[in-house]
Amino acid sequence: MTPWQVSLTPKARKQKDRLPKTVQEQVLFLVRDIEIRGPVRGDWPNYGKLGHGQHHCHLKKGKPTYVAVWAERDKEIRLIEVIYVGTHEKAPY
């Protein structure tokens, strides 16, 4: 099966760079997991579909809780874009 192409938007890349190191590592692990197994990640904490082709999960629980939000951009090409990484309070959903 062809792997998915996953990228971070420029905004998400900046957000990731400001996160604690352990959360940054979780972002990279999530990206690799999506590349291999696709956008539906029911095995990640608090995973949920947000609507048409959008998904989210928790990267770290506690205070603050960190989340990632990603969107399927093209199912034919198998393209996914991470659009947000950061605290739960500021998540775009």
PDB file of N, CA and C in Angstrom:
ATOM      1  N   MET A   1       0.834  -1.174   0.000  1.00  0.00           N
ATOM      2  CA  MET A   1       0.000   0.000   0.000  1.00  0.00           C
ATOM      3  C   MET A   1       0.887   1.248   0.000  1.00  0.00           C
ATOM      4  N   THR A   2       0.497   2.241  -0.765  1.00  0.00           N
ATOM      5  CA  THR A   2       1.235   3.493  -0.848  1.00  0.00           C
ATOM      6  C   THR A   2       1.095   4.275   0.453  1.00  0.00           C
ATOM      7  N   PRO A   3       2.215   4.759   0.991  1.00  0.00           N
ATOM      8  CA  PRO A   3       2.113   5.541   2.232  1.00  0.00           C
ATOM      9  C   PRO A   3       1.445   6.897   1.982  1.00  0.00           C
ATOM     10  N   TRP A   4       0.937   7.475   3.029  1.00  0.00           N
ATOM     11  CA  TRP A   4       0.343   8.805   2.978  1.00  0.00           C
ATOM     12  C   TRP A   4       1.458   9.840   3.040  1.00  0.00           C
ATOM     13  N   GLN A   5       1.268  10.969   2.362  1.00  0.00           N
ATOM     14  CA  GLN A   5       2.182  12.100   2.458  1.00  0.00           C
ATOM     15  C   GLN A   5       1.624  13.022   3.533  1.00  0.00           C
ATOM     16  N   VAL A   6       2.419  13.289   4.562  1.00  0.00           N
ATOM     17  CA  VAL A   6       1.975  14.130   5.673  1.00  0.00           C
ATOM     18  C   VAL A   6       2.902  15.332   5.788  1.00  0.00           C
ATOM     19  N   SER A   7       2.312  16.512   5.889  1.00  0.00           N
ATOM     20  CA  SER A   7       3.112  17.720   6.085  1.00  0.00           C
ATOM     21  C   SER A   7       2.464  18.583   7.154  1.00  0.00           C
ATOM     22  N   LEU A   8       3.247  19.451   7.735  1.00  0.00           N
ATOM     23  CA  LEU A   8       2.745  20.430   8.685  1.00  0.00           C
ATOM     24  C   LEU A   8       2.628  21.769   7.967  1.00  0.00           C
ATOM     25  N   THR A   9       1.538  22.480   8.213  1.00  0.00           N
ATOM     26  CA  THR A   9       1.428  23.820   7.664  1.00  0.00           C
ATOM     27  C   THR A   9       2.536  24.665   8.289  1.00  0.00           C
ATOM     28  N   PRO A  10       2.902  25.783   7.663  1.00  0.00           N
ATOM     29  CA  PRO A  10       3.914  26.651   8.284  1.00  0.00           C
ATOM     30  C   PRO A  10       3.521  27.071   9.708  1.00  0.00           C
ATOM     31  N   LYS A  11       2.244  27.344   9.924  1.00  0.00           N
ATOM     32  CA  LYS A  11       1.776  27.729  11.258  1.00  0.00           C
ATOM     33  C   LYS A  11       1.947  26.572  12.247  1.00  0.00           C
ATOM     34  N   ALA A  12       1.577  25.360  11.835  1.00  0.00           N
ATOM     35  CA  ALA A  12       1.705  24.190  12.712  1.00  0.00           C
ATOM     36  C   ALA A  12       3.173  23.896  13.007  1.00  0.00           C
ATOM     37  N   ARG A  13       4.041  24.125  12.029  1.00  0.00           N
ATOM     38  CA  ARG A  13       5.481  23.911  12.245  1.00  0.00           C
ATOM     39  C   ARG A  13       6.004  24.863  13.327  1.00  0.00           C
ATOM     40  N   LYS A  14       5.586  26.130  13.272  1.00  0.00           N
ATOM     41  CA  LYS A  14       5.991  27.101  14.296  1.00  0.00           C
ATOM     42  C   LYS A  14       5.426  26.716  15.661  1.00  0.00           C
ATOM     43  N   GLN A  15       4.169  26.262  15.667  1.00  0.00           N
ATOM     44  CA  GLN A  15       3.554  25.843  16.927  1.00  0.00           C
ATOM     45  C   GLN A  15       4.327  24.680  17.527  1.00  0.00           C
ATOM     46  N   LYS A  16       4.684  23.707  16.695  1.00  0.00           N
ATOM     47  CA  LYS A  16       5.430  22.538  17.165  1.00  0.00           C
ATOM     48  C   LYS A  16       6.756  22.951  17.782  1.00  0.00           C
ATOM     49  N   ASP A  17       7.442  23.884  17.145  1.00  0.00           N
ATOM     50  CA  ASP A  17       8.765  24.302  17.615  1.00  0.00           C
ATOM     51  C   ASP A  17       8.717  24.970  18.991  1.00  0.00           C
ATOM     52  N   ARG A  18       7.554  25.473  19.401  1.00  0.00           N
ATOM     53  CA  ARG A  18       7.410  26.122  20.708  1.00  0.00           C
ATOM     54  C   ARG A  18       6.946  25.163  21.801  1.00  0.00           C
ATOM     55  N   LEU A  19       6.655  23.926  21.442  1.00  0.00           N
ATOM     56  CA  LEU A  19       6.166  22.947  22.419  1.00  0.00           C
ATOM     57  C   LEU A  19       7.322  22.338  23.205  1.00  0.00           C
ATOM     58  N   PRO A  20       7.016  21.758  24.384  1.00  0.00           N
ATOM     59  CA  PRO A  20       8.054  21.017  25.124  1.00  0.00           C
ATOM     60  C   PRO A  20       8.613  19.884  24.256  1.00  0.00           C
ATOM     61  N   LYS A  21       9.863  19.555  24.471  1.00  0.00           N
ATOM     62  CA  LYS A  21      10.559  18.548  23.657  1.00  0.00           C
ATOM     63  C   LYS A  21       9.801  17.218  23.584  1.00  0.00           C
ATOM     64  N   THR A  22       9.260  16.757  24.699  1.00  0.00           N
ATOM     65  CA  THR A  22       8.553  15.472  24.688  1.00  0.00           C
ATOM     66  C   THR A  22       7.302  15.531  23.808  1.00  0.00           C
ATOM     67  N   VAL A  23       6.629  16.672  23.781  1.00  0.00           N
ATOM     68  CA  VAL A  23       5.437  16.823  22.945  1.00  0.00           C
ATOM     69  C   VAL A  23       5.846  16.931  21.471  1.00  0.00           C
ATOM     70  N   GLN A  24       6.959  17.607  21.192  1.00  0.00           N
ATOM     71  CA  GLN A  24       7.474  17.666  19.818  1.00  0.00           C
ATOM     72  C   GLN A  24       7.755  16.260  19.295  1.00  0.00           C
ATOM     73  N   GLU A  25       8.308  15.416  20.145  1.00  0.00           N
ATOM     74  CA  GLU A  25       8.589  14.032  19.748  1.00  0.00           C
ATOM     75  C   GLU A  25       7.292  13.279  19.459  1.00  0.00           C
ATOM     76  N   GLN A  26       6.249  13.548  20.247  1.00  0.00           N
ATOM     77  CA  GLN A  26       4.948  12.918  20.012  1.00  0.00           C
ATOM     78  C   GLN A  26       4.365  13.348  18.667  1.00  0.00           C
ATOM     79  N   VAL A  27       4.553  14.619  18.304  1.00  0.00           N
ATOM     80  CA  VAL A  27       4.082  15.113  17.003  1.00  0.00           C
ATOM     81  C   VAL A  27       4.761  14.337  15.879  1.00  0.00           C
ATOM     82  N   LEU A  28       6.072  14.197  15.979  1.00  0.00           N
ATOM     83  CA  LEU A  28       6.814  13.474  14.946  1.00  0.00           C
ATOM     84  C   LEU A  28       6.400  12.005  14.883  1.00  0.00           C
ATOM     85  N   PHE A  29       6.163  11.400  16.044  1.00  0.00           N
ATOM     86  CA  PHE A  29       5.721  10.009  16.074  1.00  0.00           C
ATOM     87  C   PHE A  29       4.332   9.880  15.430  1.00  0.00           C
ATOM     88  N   LEU A  30       3.432  10.828  15.725  1.00  0.00           N
ATOM     89  CA  LEU A  30       2.092  10.821  15.124  1.00  0.00           C
ATOM     90  C   LEU A  30       2.186  10.965  13.608  1.00  0.00           C
ATOM     91  N   VAL A  31       3.020  11.877  13.132  1.00  0.00           N
ATOM     92  CA  VAL A  31       3.180  12.068  11.687  1.00  0.00           C
ATOM     93  C   VAL A  31       3.642  10.774  11.028  1.00  0.00           C
ATOM     94  N   ARG A  32       4.626  10.107  11.606  1.00  0.00           N
ATOM     95  CA  ARG A  32       5.122   8.835  11.039  1.00  0.00           C
ATOM     96  C   ARG A  32       4.028   7.766  11.062  1.00  0.00           C
ATOM     97  N   ASP A  33       3.262   7.733  12.145  1.00  0.00           N
ATOM     98  CA  ASP A  33       2.172   6.763  12.263  1.00  0.00           C
ATOM     99  C   ASP A  33       1.111   7.005  11.187  1.00  0.00           C
ATOM    100  N   ILE A  34       0.764   8.260  10.944  1.00  0.00           N
ATOM    101  CA  ILE A  34      -0.221   8.591   9.909  1.00  0.00           C
ATOM    102  C   ILE A  34       0.326   8.251   8.530  1.00  0.00           C
ATOM    103  N   GLU A  35       1.612   8.514   8.296  1.00  0.00           N
ATOM    104  CA  GLU A  35       2.215   8.187   7.000  1.00  0.00           C
ATOM    105  C   GLU A  35       2.065   6.701   6.690  1.00  0.00           C
ATOM    106  N   ILE A  36       2.275   5.873   7.690  1.00  0.00           N
ATOM    107  CA  ILE A  36       2.253   4.425   7.493  1.00  0.00           C
ATOM    108  C   ILE A  36       0.841   3.854   7.510  1.00  0.00           C
ATOM    109  N   ARG A  37       0.015   4.312   8.480  1.00  0.00           N
ATOM    110  CA  ARG A  37      -1.275   3.658   8.707  1.00  0.00           C
ATOM    111  C   ARG A  37      -2.500   4.487   8.348  1.00  0.00           C
ATOM    112  N   GLY A  38      -2.289   5.727   7.906  1.00  0.00           N
ATOM    113  CA  GLY A  38      -3.402   6.543   7.449  1.00  0.00           C
ATOM    114  C   GLY A  38      -3.958   7.476   8.514  1.00  0.00           C
ATOM    115  N   PRO A  39      -4.945   8.300   8.121  1.00  0.00           N
ATOM    116  CA  PRO A  39      -5.434   9.377   8.977  1.00  0.00           C
ATOM    117  C   PRO A  39      -6.321   8.943  10.133  1.00  0.00           C
ATOM    118  N   VAL A  40      -6.965   7.805  10.063  1.00  0.00           N
ATOM    119  CA  VAL A  40      -7.850   7.357  11.144  1.00  0.00           C
ATOM    120  C   VAL A  40      -6.999   6.678  12.197  1.00  0.00           C
ATOM    121  N   ARG A  41      -6.819   7.343  13.338  1.00  0.00           N
ATOM    122  CA  ARG A  41      -5.907   6.866  14.369  1.00  0.00           C
ATOM    123  C   ARG A  41      -6.648   6.596  15.668  1.00  0.00           C
ATOM    124  N   GLY A  42      -7.539   5.645  15.654  1.00  0.00           N
ATOM    125  CA  GLY A  42      -8.312   5.292  16.830  1.00  0.00           C
ATOM    126  C   GLY A  42      -7.488   4.760  17.980  1.00  0.00           C
ATOM    127  N   ASP A  43      -6.214   4.458  17.741  1.00  0.00           N
ATOM    128  CA  ASP A  43      -5.347   3.938  18.786  1.00  0.00           C
ATOM    129  C   ASP A  43      -4.592   5.048  19.525  1.00  0.00           C
ATOM    130  N   TRP A  44      -4.851   6.312  19.179  1.00  0.00           N
ATOM    131  CA  TRP A  44      -4.252   7.445  19.881  1.00  0.00           C
ATOM    132  C   TRP A  44      -5.241   7.967  20.911  1.00  0.00           C
ATOM    133  N   PRO A  45      -4.741   8.522  22.049  1.00  0.00           N
ATOM    134  CA  PRO A  45      -5.641   8.995  23.119  1.00  0.00           C
ATOM    135  C   PRO A  45      -6.620  10.069  22.636  1.00  0.00           C
ATOM    136  N   ASN A  46      -7.867   9.877  22.996  1.00  0.00           N
ATOM    137  CA  ASN A  46      -8.935  10.829  22.688  1.00  0.00           C
ATOM    138  C   ASN A  46      -9.028  11.169  21.204  1.00  0.00           C
ATOM    139  N   TYR A  47      -8.702  10.202  20.339  1.00  0.00           N
ATOM    140  CA  TYR A  47      -8.849  10.409  18.902  1.00  0.00           C
ATOM    141  C   TYR A  47     -10.319  10.651  18.584  1.00  0.00           C
ATOM    142  N   GLY A  48     -10.571  11.528  17.627  1.00  0.00           N
ATOM    143  CA  GLY A  48     -11.930  11.737  17.171  1.00  0.00           C
ATOM    144  C   GLY A  48     -11.952  12.396  15.809  1.00  0.00           C
ATOM    145  N   LYS A  49     -12.987  12.063  15.038  1.00  0.00           N
ATOM    146  CA  LYS A  49     -13.216  12.747  13.771  1.00  0.00           C
ATOM    147  C   LYS A  49     -13.921  14.050  14.075  1.00  0.00           C
ATOM    148  N   LEU A  50     -13.510  15.115  13.414  1.00  0.00           N
ATOM    149  CA  LEU A  50     -14.084  16.429  13.665  1.00  0.00           C
ATOM    150  C   LEU A  50     -15.104  16.821  12.603  1.00  0.00           C
ATOM    151  N   GLY A  51     -15.192  16.074  11.570  1.00  0.00           N
ATOM    152  CA  GLY A  51     -16.098  16.417  10.481  1.00  0.00           C
ATOM    153  C   GLY A  51     -15.486  15.953   9.182  1.00  0.00           C
ATOM    154  N   HIS A  52     -15.844  16.603   8.121  1.00  0.00           N
ATOM    155  CA  HIS A  52     -15.419  16.208   6.784  1.00  0.00           C
ATOM    156  C   HIS A  52     -13.888  16.144   6.656  1.00  0.00           C
ATOM    157  N   GLY A  53     -13.333  14.959   6.791  1.00  0.00           N
ATOM    158  CA  GLY A  53     -11.905  14.741   6.584  1.00  0.00           C
ATOM    159  C   GLY A  53     -10.978  15.325   7.632  1.00  0.00           C
ATOM    160  N   GLN A  54     -11.514  15.772   8.770  1.00  0.00           N
ATOM    161  CA  GLN A  54     -10.659  16.312   9.819  1.00  0.00           C
ATOM    162  C   GLN A  54     -10.645  15.386  11.024  1.00  0.00           C
ATOM    163  N   HIS A  55      -9.491  15.324  11.684  1.00  0.00           N
ATOM    164  CA  HIS A  55      -9.279  14.429  12.807  1.00  0.00           C
ATOM    165  C   HIS A  55      -8.481  15.154  13.881  1.00  0.00           C
ATOM    166  N   HIS A  56      -8.529  14.618  15.113  1.00  0.00           N
ATOM    167  CA  HIS A  56      -7.691  15.158  16.182  1.00  0.00           C
ATOM    168  C   HIS A  56      -7.398  14.068  17.201  1.00  0.00           C
ATOM    169  N   CYS A  57      -6.361  14.290  17.997  1.00  0.00           N
ATOM    170  CA  CYS A  57      -6.058  13.408  19.124  1.00  0.00           C
ATOM    171  C   CYS A  57      -5.245  14.184  20.141  1.00  0.00           C
ATOM    172  N   HIS A  58      -5.149  13.625  21.330  1.00  0.00           N
ATOM    173  CA  HIS A  58      -4.328  14.221  22.378  1.00  0.00           C
ATOM    174  C   HIS A  58      -2.895  13.717  22.243  1.00  0.00           C
ATOM    175  N   LEU A  59      -1.954  14.610  22.392  1.00  0.00           N
ATOM    176  CA  LEU A  59      -0.536  14.257  22.382  1.00  0.00           C
ATOM    177  C   LEU A  59      -0.019  14.053  23.797  1.00  0.00           C
ATOM    178  N   LYS A  60      -0.576  14.823  24.735  1.00  0.00           N
ATOM    179  CA  LYS A  60      -0.197  14.720  26.147  1.00  0.00           C
ATOM    180  C   LYS A  60      -1.378  15.181  26.982  1.00  0.00           C
ATOM    181  N   LYS A  61      -1.764  14.346  27.928  1.00  0.00           N
ATOM    182  CA  LYS A  61      -2.853  14.699  28.829  1.00  0.00           C
ATOM    183  C   LYS A  61      -2.309  15.486  30.010  1.00  0.00           C
ATOM    184  N   GLY A  62      -3.187  16.072  30.782  1.00  0.00           N
ATOM    185  CA  GLY A  62      -2.777  16.832  31.957  1.00  0.00           C
ATOM    186  C   GLY A  62      -3.037  18.302  31.735  1.00  0.00           C
ATOM    187  N   LYS A  63      -2.324  19.116  32.507  1.00  0.00           N
ATOM    188  CA  LYS A  63      -2.468  20.565  32.367  1.00  0.00           C
ATOM    189  C   LYS A  63      -1.126  21.149  32.004  1.00  0.00           C
ATOM    190  N   PRO A  64      -0.978  21.690  30.816  1.00  0.00           N
ATOM    191  CA  PRO A  64      -2.003  21.745  29.779  1.00  0.00           C
ATOM    192  C   PRO A  64      -2.068  20.448  28.984  1.00  0.00           C
ATOM    193  N   THR A  65      -3.198  20.211  28.341  1.00  0.00           N
ATOM    194  CA  THR A  65      -3.358  19.097  27.418  1.00  0.00           C
ATOM    195  C   THR A  65      -2.951  19.580  26.034  1.00  0.00           C
ATOM    196  N   TYR A  66      -2.108  18.808  25.346  1.00  0.00           N
ATOM    197  CA  TYR A  66      -1.663  19.162  24.002  1.00  0.00           C
ATOM    198  C   TYR A  66      -2.376  18.272  22.993  1.00  0.00           C
ATOM    199  N   VAL A  67      -2.795  18.874  21.869  1.00  0.00           N
ATOM    200  CA  VAL A  67      -3.530  18.150  20.840  1.00  0.00           C
ATOM    201  C   VAL A  67      -2.924  18.412  19.470  1.00  0.00           C
ATOM    202  N   ALA A  68      -3.291  17.547  18.535  1.00  0.00           N
ATOM    203  CA  ALA A  68      -2.948  17.742  17.124  1.00  0.00           C
ATOM    204  C   ALA A  68      -4.237  17.642  16.323  1.00  0.00           C
ATOM    205  N   VAL A  69      -4.330  18.453  15.284  1.00  0.00           N
ATOM    206  CA  VAL A  69      -5.471  18.419  14.371  1.00  0.00           C
ATOM    207  C   VAL A  69      -4.910  18.264  12.966  1.00  0.00           C
ATOM    208  N   TRP A  70      -5.465  17.327  12.192  1.00  0.00           N
ATOM    209  CA  TRP A  70      -5.002  17.129  10.823  1.00  0.00           C
ATOM    210  C   TRP A  70      -6.196  16.940   9.900  1.00  0.00           C
ATOM    211  N   ALA A  71      -5.948  17.177   8.610  1.00  0.00           N
ATOM    212  CA  ALA A  71      -7.014  17.114   7.617  1.00  0.00           C
ATOM    213  C   ALA A  71      -6.551  16.343   6.395  1.00  0.00           C
ATOM    214  N   GLU A  72      -7.445  15.538   5.854  1.00  0.00           N
ATOM    215  CA  GLU A  72      -7.177  14.851   4.596  1.00  0.00           C
ATOM    216  C   GLU A  72      -7.384  15.868   3.479  1.00  0.00           C
ATOM    217  N   ARG A  73      -6.362  16.080   2.674  1.00  0.00           N
ATOM    218  CA  ARG A  73      -6.443  17.074   1.603  1.00  0.00           C
ATOM    219  C   ARG A  73      -6.748  16.445   0.247  1.00  0.00           C
ATOM    220  N   ASP A  74      -6.267  15.220   0.021  1.00  0.00           N
ATOM    221  CA  ASP A  74      -6.494  14.575  -1.271  1.00  0.00           C
ATOM    222  C   ASP A  74      -6.386  13.065  -1.087  1.00  0.00           C
ATOM    223  N   LYS A  75      -7.517  12.384  -1.133  1.00  0.00           N
ATOM    224  CA  LYS A  75      -7.505  10.932  -0.912  1.00  0.00           C
ATOM    225  C   LYS A  75      -6.864  10.180  -2.071  1.00  0.00           C
ATOM    226  N   GLU A  76      -6.945  10.724  -3.287  1.00  0.00           N
ATOM    227  CA  GLU A  76      -6.336  10.066  -4.445  1.00  0.00           C
ATOM    228  C   GLU A  76      -4.812  10.052  -4.313  1.00  0.00           C
ATOM    229  N   ILE A  77      -4.247  11.178  -3.934  1.00  0.00           N
ATOM    230  CA  ILE A  77      -2.798  11.289  -3.777  1.00  0.00           C
ATOM    231  C   ILE A  77      -2.377  10.819  -2.385  1.00  0.00           C
ATOM    232  N   ARG A  78      -3.347  10.696  -1.474  1.00  0.00           N
ATOM    233  CA  ARG A  78      -3.104  10.287  -0.096  1.00  0.00           C
ATOM    234  C   ARG A  78      -2.292  11.356   0.642  1.00  0.00           C
ATOM    235  N   LEU A  79      -2.820  12.575   0.638  1.00  0.00           N
ATOM    236  CA  LEU A  79      -2.152  13.733   1.213  1.00  0.00           C
ATOM    237  C   LEU A  79      -2.876  14.196   2.470  1.00  0.00           C
ATOM    238  N   ILE A  80      -2.109  14.402   3.547  1.00  0.00           N
ATOM    239  CA  ILE A  80      -2.645  14.858   4.835  1.00  0.00           C
ATOM    240  C   ILE A  80      -1.826  16.050   5.293  1.00  0.00           C
ATOM    241  N   GLU A  81      -2.508  17.020   5.886  1.00  0.00           N
ATOM    242  CA  GLU A  81      -1.832  18.207   6.385  1.00  0.00           C
ATOM    243  C   GLU A  81      -2.170  18.387   7.862  1.00  0.00           C
ATOM    244  N   VAL A  82      -1.139  18.469   8.700  1.00  0.00           N
ATOM    245  CA  VAL A  82      -1.332  18.779  10.110  1.00  0.00           C
ATOM    246  C   VAL A  82      -1.545  20.288  10.182  1.00  0.00           C
ATOM    247  N   ILE A  83      -2.711  20.697  10.726  1.00  0.00           N
ATOM    248  CA  ILE A  83      -3.045  22.112  10.698  1.00  0.00           C
ATOM    249  C   ILE A  83      -2.911  22.789  12.054  1.00  0.00           C
ATOM    250  N   TYR A  84      -2.768  22.010  13.133  1.00  0.00           N
ATOM    251  CA  TYR A  84      -2.631  22.610  14.464  1.00  0.00           C
ATOM    252  C   TYR A  84      -1.957  21.636  15.404  1.00  0.00           C
ATOM    253  N   VAL A  85      -1.026  22.132  16.193  1.00  0.00           N
ATOM    254  CA  VAL A  85      -0.475  21.409  17.340  1.00  0.00           C
ATOM    255  C   VAL A  85      -0.316  22.422  18.463  1.00  0.00           C
ATOM    256  N   GLY A  86      -0.841  22.098  19.612  1.00  0.00           N
ATOM    257  CA  GLY A  86      -0.741  23.017  20.735  1.00  0.00           C
ATOM    258  C   GLY A  86      -1.703  22.646  21.830  1.00  0.00           C
ATOM    259  N   THR A  87      -2.018  23.611  22.665  1.00  0.00           N
ATOM    260  CA  THR A  87      -2.873  23.328  23.803  1.00  0.00           C
ATOM    261  C   THR A  87      -4.320  23.120  23.384  1.00  0.00           C
ATOM    262  N   HIS A  88      -5.003  22.341  24.171  1.00  0.00           N
ATOM    263  CA  HIS A  88      -6.404  21.997  23.919  1.00  0.00           C
ATOM    264  C   HIS A  88      -7.281  23.248  23.877  1.00  0.00           C
ATOM    265  N   GLU A  89      -6.975  24.217  24.731  1.00  0.00           N
ATOM    266  CA  GLU A  89      -7.804  25.425  24.834  1.00  0.00           C
ATOM    267  C   GLU A  89      -7.832  26.243  23.542  1.00  0.00           C
ATOM    268  N   LYS A  90      -6.766  26.205  22.767  1.00  0.00           N
ATOM    269  CA  LYS A  90      -6.691  27.019  21.555  1.00  0.00           C
ATOM    270  C   LYS A  90      -6.941  26.224  20.277  1.00  0.00           C
ATOM    271  N   ALA A  91      -7.322  24.960  20.410  1.00  0.00           N
ATOM    272  CA  ALA A  91      -7.528  24.098  19.245  1.00  0.00           C
ATOM    273  C   ALA A  91      -8.676  24.620  18.369  1.00  0.00           C
ATOM    274  N   PRO A  92      -8.540  24.499  17.056  1.00  0.00           N
ATOM    275  CA  PRO A  92      -9.558  25.030  16.144  1.00  0.00           C
ATOM    276  C   PRO A  92     -10.736  24.081  15.930  1.00  0.00           C
ATOM    277  N   TYR A  93     -11.405  23.716  16.998  1.00  0.00           N
ATOM    278  CA  TYR A  93     -12.630  22.904  16.885  1.00  0.00           C
ATOM    279  C   TYR A  93     -13.586  23.217  17.986  1.00  0.00           C
TER     280      TYR A  93
END
